[in-house]
Amino acid sequence: MSDAKALNDRIDVLETRLTFQDETIETLNKTITAQWLKIDALARQVAALSERLQEAEASSPGSANEPPPHY
């Protein structure tokens, strides 16, 4: 009878650990998904800003390395 009780106790401990691990995995998954969405949005924003900068540099008069006229 003692062996059955010890086995049941071990199974209960394992089931409890599994439950907490499942909750932790789900929380981590939600966090990673949110981070990925944020990274994707930031990457798109950087690409758009880079494109705007290239357009501004292309349409600006004169060279960017040219000293201002008062020198």
PDB file of N, CA and C in Angstrom:
ATOM      1  N   MET A   1       0.826  -1.192   0.000  1.00  0.00           N
ATOM      2  CA  MET A   1       0.000   0.000   0.000  1.00  0.00           C
ATOM      3  C   MET A   1       0.874   1.261   0.000  1.00  0.00           C
ATOM      4  N   SER A   2       2.000   1.187   0.660  1.00  0.00           N
ATOM      5  CA  SER A   2       2.892   2.335   0.744  1.00  0.00           C
ATOM      6  C   SER A   2       3.463   2.703  -0.620  1.00  0.00           C
ATOM      7  N   ASP A   3       3.750   1.664  -1.419  1.00  0.00           N
ATOM      8  CA  ASP A   3       4.278   1.932  -2.753  1.00  0.00           C
ATOM      9  C   ASP A   3       3.246   2.640  -3.630  1.00  0.00           C
ATOM     10  N   ALA A   4       1.999   2.248  -3.515  1.00  0.00           N
ATOM     11  CA  ALA A   4       0.934   2.878  -4.301  1.00  0.00           C
ATOM     12  C   ALA A   4       0.755   4.332  -3.870  1.00  0.00           C
ATOM     13  N   LYS A   5       0.842   4.585  -2.567  1.00  0.00           N
ATOM     14  CA  LYS A   5       0.707   5.958  -2.052  1.00  0.00           C
ATOM     15  C   LYS A   5       1.871   6.821  -2.549  1.00  0.00           C
ATOM     16  N   ALA A   6       3.086   6.283  -2.492  1.00  0.00           N
ATOM     17  CA  ALA A   6       4.253   7.031  -2.951  1.00  0.00           C
ATOM     18  C   ALA A   6       4.156   7.307  -4.444  1.00  0.00           C
ATOM     19  N   LEU A   7       3.685   6.330  -5.199  1.00  0.00           N
ATOM     20  CA  LEU A   7       3.532   6.512  -6.640  1.00  0.00           C
ATOM     21  C   LEU A   7       2.480   7.571  -6.945  1.00  0.00           C
ATOM     22  N   ASN A   8       1.374   7.550  -6.224  1.00  0.00           N
ATOM     23  CA  ASN A   8       0.330   8.561  -6.416  1.00  0.00           C
ATOM     24  C   ASN A   8       0.842   9.957  -6.058  1.00  0.00           C
ATOM     25  N   ASP A   9       1.630  10.048  -5.001  1.00  0.00           N
ATOM     26  CA  ASP A   9       2.191  11.346  -4.611  1.00  0.00           C
ATOM     27  C   ASP A   9       3.128  11.878  -5.694  1.00  0.00           C
ATOM     28  N   ARG A  10       3.964  10.990  -6.240  1.00  0.00           N
ATOM     29  CA  ARG A  10       4.876  11.401  -7.311  1.00  0.00           C
ATOM     30  C   ARG A  10       4.106  11.846  -8.548  1.00  0.00           C
ATOM     31  N   ILE A  11       3.049  11.125  -8.875  1.00  0.00           N
ATOM     32  CA  ILE A  11       2.229  11.493 -10.037  1.00  0.00           C
ATOM     33  C   ILE A  11       1.572  12.852  -9.806  1.00  0.00           C
ATOM     34  N   ASP A  12       1.082  13.085  -8.585  1.00  0.00           N
ATOM     35  CA  ASP A  12       0.469  14.381  -8.274  1.00  0.00           C
ATOM     36  C   ASP A  12       1.472  15.521  -8.426  1.00  0.00           C
ATOM     37  N   VAL A  13       2.698  15.301  -7.949  1.00  0.00           N
ATOM     38  CA  VAL A  13       3.737  16.326  -8.059  1.00  0.00           C
ATOM     39  C   VAL A  13       4.053  16.597  -9.531  1.00  0.00           C
ATOM     40  N   LEU A  14       4.161  15.547 -10.315  1.00  0.00           N
ATOM     41  CA  LEU A  14       4.448  15.711 -11.741  1.00  0.00           C
ATOM     42  C   LEU A  14       3.314  16.430 -12.466  1.00  0.00           C
ATOM     43  N   GLU A  15       2.088  16.101 -12.134  1.00  0.00           N
ATOM     44  CA  GLU A  15       0.944  16.773 -12.766  1.00  0.00           C
ATOM     45  C   GLU A  15       0.913  18.255 -12.400  1.00  0.00           C
ATOM     46  N   THR A  16       1.265  18.564 -11.157  1.00  0.00           N
ATOM     47  CA  THR A  16       1.310  19.964 -10.732  1.00  0.00           C
ATOM     48  C   THR A  16       2.389  20.715 -11.491  1.00  0.00           C
ATOM     49  N   ARG A  17       3.563  20.108 -11.599  1.00  0.00           N
ATOM     50  CA  ARG A  17       4.650  20.733 -12.366  1.00  0.00           C
ATOM     51  C   ARG A  17       4.243  20.937 -13.819  1.00  0.00           C
ATOM     52  N   LEU A  18       3.616  19.961 -14.404  1.00  0.00           N
ATOM     53  CA  LEU A  18       3.195  20.055 -15.801  1.00  0.00           C
ATOM     54  C   LEU A  18       2.215  21.204 -15.993  1.00  0.00           C
ATOM     55  N   THR A  19       1.298  21.358 -15.055  1.00  0.00           N
ATOM     56  CA  THR A  19       0.328  22.447 -15.151  1.00  0.00           C
ATOM     57  C   THR A  19       1.025  23.799 -15.117  1.00  0.00           C
ATOM     58  N   PHE A  20       1.954  23.973 -14.179  1.00  0.00           N
ATOM     59  CA  PHE A  20       2.689  25.238 -14.100  1.00  0.00           C
ATOM     60  C   PHE A  20       3.551  25.452 -15.339  1.00  0.00           C
ATOM     61  N   GLN A  21       4.145  24.395 -15.860  1.00  0.00           N
ATOM     62  CA  GLN A  21       4.949  24.529 -17.069  1.00  0.00           C
ATOM     63  C   GLN A  21       4.089  24.923 -18.260  1.00  0.00           C
ATOM     64  N   ASP A  22       2.912  24.357 -18.370  1.00  0.00           N
ATOM     65  CA  ASP A  22       2.003  24.722 -19.458  1.00  0.00           C
ATOM     66  C   ASP A  22       1.626  26.206 -19.377  1.00  0.00           C
ATOM     67  N   GLU A  23       1.342  26.682 -18.167  1.00  0.00           N
ATOM     68  CA  GLU A  23       1.001  28.094 -17.996  1.00  0.00           C
ATOM     69  C   GLU A  23       2.189  28.990 -18.361  1.00  0.00           C
ATOM     70  N   THR A  24       3.376  28.589 -17.946  1.00  0.00           N
ATOM     71  CA  THR A  24       4.580  29.366 -18.250  1.00  0.00           C
ATOM     72  C   THR A  24       4.834  29.401 -19.751  1.00  0.00           C
ATOM     73  N   ILE A  25       4.699  28.271 -20.410  1.00  0.00           N
ATOM     74  CA  ILE A  25       4.904  28.208 -21.857  1.00  0.00           C
ATOM     75  C   ILE A  25       3.897  29.096 -22.578  1.00  0.00           C
ATOM     76  N   GLU A  26       2.670  29.083 -22.150  1.00  0.00           N
ATOM     77  CA  GLU A  26       1.643  29.916 -22.784  1.00  0.00           C
ATOM     78  C   GLU A  26       1.955  31.402 -22.587  1.00  0.00           C
ATOM     79  N   THR A  27       2.392  31.769 -21.394  1.00  0.00           N
ATOM     80  CA  THR A  27       2.758  33.158 -21.127  1.00  0.00           C
ATOM     81  C   THR A  27       3.937  33.582 -21.991  1.00  0.00           C
ATOM     82  N   LEU A  28       4.959  32.734 -22.084  1.00  0.00           N
ATOM     83  CA  LEU A  28       6.124  33.038 -22.918  1.00  0.00           C
ATOM     84  C   LEU A  28       5.727  33.152 -24.389  1.00  0.00           C
ATOM     85  N   ASN A  29       4.841  32.288 -24.838  1.00  0.00           N
ATOM     86  CA  ASN A  29       4.390  32.332 -26.228  1.00  0.00           C
ATOM     87  C   ASN A  29       3.684  33.660 -26.529  1.00  0.00           C
ATOM     88  N   LYS A  30       2.831  34.097 -25.615  1.00  0.00           N
ATOM     89  CA  LYS A  30       2.144  35.377 -25.811  1.00  0.00           C
ATOM     90  C   LYS A  30       3.141  36.534 -25.827  1.00  0.00           C
ATOM     91  N   THR A  31       4.141  36.476 -24.954  1.00  0.00           N
ATOM     92  CA  THR A  31       5.150  37.529 -24.903  1.00  0.00           C
ATOM     93  C   THR A  31       5.960  37.573 -26.190  1.00  0.00           C
ATOM     94  N   ILE A  32       6.376  36.421 -26.673  1.00  0.00           N
ATOM     95  CA  ILE A  32       7.160  36.357 -27.901  1.00  0.00           C
ATOM     96  C   ILE A  32       6.340  36.846 -29.091  1.00  0.00           C
ATOM     97  N   THR A  33       5.077  36.479 -29.139  1.00  0.00           N
ATOM     98  CA  THR A  33       4.210  36.925 -30.230  1.00  0.00           C
ATOM     99  C   THR A  33       4.069  38.445 -30.211  1.00  0.00           C
ATOM    100  N   ALA A  34       3.870  39.017 -29.030  1.00  0.00           N
ATOM    101  CA  ALA A  34       3.753  40.478 -28.924  1.00  0.00           C
ATOM    102  C   ALA A  34       5.053  41.158 -29.334  1.00  0.00           C
ATOM    103  N   GLN A  35       6.182  40.602 -28.914  1.00  0.00           N
ATOM    104  CA  GLN A  35       7.470  41.178 -29.293  1.00  0.00           C
ATOM    105  C   GLN A  35       7.689  41.091 -30.801  1.00  0.00           C
ATOM    106  N   TRP A  36       7.320  39.983 -31.400  1.00  0.00           N
ATOM    107  CA  TRP A  36       7.493  39.829 -32.839  1.00  0.00           C
ATOM    108  C   TRP A  36       6.661  40.858 -33.603  1.00  0.00           C
ATOM    109  N   LEU A  37       5.430  41.084 -33.151  1.00  0.00           N
ATOM    110  CA  LEU A  37       4.582  42.086 -33.801  1.00  0.00           C
ATOM    111  C   LEU A  37       5.205  43.478 -33.681  1.00  0.00           C
ATOM    112  N   LYS A  38       5.762  43.791 -32.525  1.00  0.00           N
ATOM    113  CA  LYS A  38       6.399  45.085 -32.318  1.00  0.00           C
ATOM    114  C   LYS A  38       7.647  45.215 -33.196  1.00  0.00           C
ATOM    115  N   ILE A  39       8.460  44.173 -33.249  1.00  0.00           N
ATOM    116  CA  ILE A  39       9.665  44.198 -34.088  1.00  0.00           C
ATOM    117  C   ILE A  39       9.288  44.379 -35.550  1.00  0.00           C
ATOM    118  N   ASP A  40       8.251  43.694 -35.991  1.00  0.00           N
ATOM    119  CA  ASP A  40       7.809  43.813 -37.381  1.00  0.00           C
ATOM    120  C   ASP A  40       7.354  45.243 -37.684  1.00  0.00           C
ATOM    121  N   ALA A  41       6.600  45.835 -36.763  1.00  0.00           N
ATOM    122  CA  ALA A  41       6.136  47.210 -36.965  1.00  0.00           C
ATOM    123  C   ALA A  41       7.316  48.177 -36.996  1.00  0.00           C
ATOM    124  N   LEU A  42       8.277  47.969 -36.116  1.00  0.00           N
ATOM    125  CA  LEU A  42       9.454  48.850 -36.091  1.00  0.00           C
ATOM    126  C   LEU A  42      10.300  48.687 -37.351  1.00  0.00           C
ATOM    127  N   ALA A  43      10.417  47.468 -37.848  1.00  0.00           N
ATOM    128  CA  ALA A  43      11.187  47.242 -39.080  1.00  0.00           C
ATOM    129  C   ALA A  43      10.522  47.957 -40.257  1.00  0.00           C
ATOM    130  N   ARG A  44       9.193  47.893 -40.324  1.00  0.00           N
ATOM    131  CA  ARG A  44       8.487  48.600 -41.396  1.00  0.00           C
ATOM    132  C   ARG A  44       8.669  50.112 -41.263  1.00  0.00           C
ATOM    133  N   GLN A  45       8.654  50.612 -40.022  1.00  0.00           N
ATOM    134  CA  GLN A  45       8.838  52.040 -39.792  1.00  0.00           C
ATOM    135  C   GLN A  45      10.247  52.483 -40.205  1.00  0.00           C
ATOM    136  N   VAL A  46      11.249  51.693 -39.868  1.00  0.00           N
ATOM    137  CA  VAL A  46      12.623  52.023 -40.254  1.00  0.00           C
ATOM    138  C   VAL A  46      12.747  52.028 -41.776  1.00  0.00           C
ATOM    139  N   ALA A  47      12.147  51.070 -42.453  1.00  0.00           N
ATOM    140  CA  ALA A  47      12.204  51.012 -43.909  1.00  0.00           C
ATOM    141  C   ALA A  47      11.538  52.251 -44.519  1.00  0.00           C
ATOM    142  N   ALA A  48      10.410  52.651 -43.971  1.00  0.00           N
ATOM    143  CA  ALA A  48       9.719  53.832 -44.492  1.00  0.00           C
ATOM    144  C   ALA A  48      10.547  55.100 -44.263  1.00  0.00           C
ATOM    145  N   LEU A  49      11.147  55.210 -43.084  1.00  0.00           N
ATOM    146  CA  LEU A  49      11.982  56.378 -42.798  1.00  0.00           C
ATOM    147  C   LEU A  49      13.224  56.405 -43.680  1.00  0.00           C
ATOM    148  N   SER A  50      13.790  55.250 -43.945  1.00  0.00           N
ATOM    149  CA  SER A  50      14.949  55.172 -44.827  1.00  0.00           C
ATOM    150  C   SER A  50      14.582  55.623 -46.236  1.00  0.00           C
ATOM    151  N   GLU A  51      13.436  55.192 -46.677  1.00  0.00           N
ATOM    152  CA  GLU A  51      12.970  55.596 -48.014  1.00  0.00           C
ATOM    153  C   GLU A  51      12.737  57.104 -48.075  1.00  0.00           C
ATOM    154  N   ARG A  52      12.126  57.662 -47.026  1.00  0.00           N
ATOM    155  CA  ARG A  52      11.894  59.109 -46.992  1.00  0.00           C
ATOM    156  C   ARG A  52      13.213  59.876 -46.977  1.00  0.00           C
ATOM    157  N   LEU A  53      14.200  59.357 -46.245  1.00  0.00           N
ATOM    158  CA  LEU A  53      15.503  60.016 -46.194  1.00  0.00           C
ATOM    159  C   LEU A  53      16.178  59.992 -47.562  1.00  0.00           C
ATOM    160  N   GLN A  54      16.110  58.867 -48.243  1.00  0.00           N
ATOM    161  CA  GLN A  54      16.689  58.777 -49.584  1.00  0.00           C
ATOM    162  C   GLN A  54      16.009  59.737 -50.546  1.00  0.00           C
ATOM    163  N   GLU A  55      14.696  59.843 -50.455  1.00  0.00           N
ATOM    164  CA  GLU A  55      13.963  60.780 -51.314  1.00  0.00           C
ATOM    165  C   GLU A  55      14.360  62.225 -51.002  1.00  0.00           C
ATOM    166  N   ALA A  56      14.511  62.535 -49.722  1.00  0.00           N
ATOM    167  CA  ALA A  56      14.880  63.903 -49.334  1.00  0.00           C
ATOM    168  C   ALA A  56      16.289  64.231 -49.803  1.00  0.00           C
ATOM    169  N   GLU A  57      17.195  63.270 -49.680  1.00  0.00           N
ATOM    170  CA  GLU A  57      18.564  63.504 -50.142  1.00  0.00           C
ATOM    171  C   GLU A  57      18.619  63.662 -51.655  1.00  0.00           C
ATOM    172  N   ALA A  58      17.797  62.917 -52.371  1.00  0.00           N
ATOM    173  CA  ALA A  58      17.795  62.996 -53.828  1.00  0.00           C
ATOM    174  C   ALA A  58      17.201  64.312 -54.314  1.00  0.00           C
ATOM    175  N   SER A  59      16.255  64.849 -53.585  1.00  0.00           N
ATOM    176  CA  SER A  59      15.603  66.076 -54.043  1.00  0.00           C
ATOM    177  C   SER A  59      16.247  67.336 -53.473  1.00  0.00           C
ATOM    178  N   SER A  60      17.219  67.195 -52.594  1.00  0.00           N
ATOM    179  CA  SER A  60      17.850  68.385 -52.013  1.00  0.00           C
ATOM    180  C   SER A  60      18.832  68.997 -53.016  1.00  0.00           C
ATOM    181  N   PRO A  61      18.877  70.319 -53.064  1.00  0.00           N
ATOM    182  CA  PRO A  61      19.809  70.970 -53.998  1.00  0.00           C
ATOM    183  C   PRO A  61      21.241  70.886 -53.470  1.00  0.00           C
ATOM    184  N   GLY A  62      22.181  70.614 -54.343  1.00  0.00           N
ATOM    185  CA  GLY A  62      23.592  70.593 -53.971  1.00  0.00           C
ATOM    186  C   GLY A  62      23.978  69.314 -53.232  1.00  0.00           C
ATOM    187  N   SER A  63      25.236  69.208 -52.976  1.00  0.00           N
ATOM    188  CA  SER A  63      25.776  68.056 -52.289  1.00  0.00           C
ATOM    189  C   SER A  63      25.597  68.204 -50.780  1.00  0.00           C
ATOM    190  N   ALA A  64      25.452  67.093 -50.101  1.00  0.00           N
ATOM    191  CA  ALA A  64      25.319  67.119 -48.649  1.00  0.00           C
ATOM    192  C   ALA A  64      26.648  67.470 -47.995  1.00  0.00           C
ATOM    193  N   ASN A  65      27.755  67.231 -48.684  1.00  0.00           N
ATOM    194  CA  ASN A  65      29.078  67.517 -48.139  1.00  0.00           C
ATOM    195  C   ASN A  65      29.579  68.912 -48.484  1.00  0.00           C
ATOM    196  N   GLU A  66      28.804  69.636 -49.246  1.00  0.00           N
ATOM    197  CA  GLU A  66      29.196  70.975 -49.687  1.00  0.00           C
ATOM    198  C   GLU A  66      29.042  71.952 -48.514  1.00  0.00           C
ATOM    199  N   PRO A  67      30.037  72.815 -48.266  1.00  0.00           N
ATOM    200  CA  PRO A  67      29.901  73.782 -47.156  1.00  0.00           C
ATOM    201  C   PRO A  67      28.823  74.815 -47.467  1.00  0.00           C
ATOM    202  N   PRO A  68      28.224  75.372 -46.455  1.00  0.00           N
ATOM    203  CA  PRO A  68      27.197  76.385 -46.676  1.00  0.00           C
ATOM    204  C   PRO A  68      27.798  77.605 -47.384  1.00  0.00           C
ATOM    205  N   PRO A  69      26.976  78.432 -48.033  1.00  0.00           N
ATOM    206  CA  PRO A  69      27.470  79.539 -48.847  1.00  0.00           C
ATOM    207  C   PRO A  69      28.205  80.621 -48.055  1.00  0.00           C
ATOM    208  N   HIS A  70      28.011  80.758 -46.775  1.00  0.00           N
ATOM    209  CA  HIS A  70      28.663  81.836 -46.024  1.00  0.00           C
ATOM    210  C   HIS A  70      30.114  81.508 -45.661  1.00  0.00           C
ATOM    211  N   TYR A  71      30.662  80.379 -46.044  1.00  0.00           N
ATOM    212  CA  TYR A  71      32.069  80.058 -45.762  1.00  0.00           C
ATOM    213  C   TYR A  71      32.965  80.585 -46.827  1.00  0.00           C
TER     214      TYR A  71
END
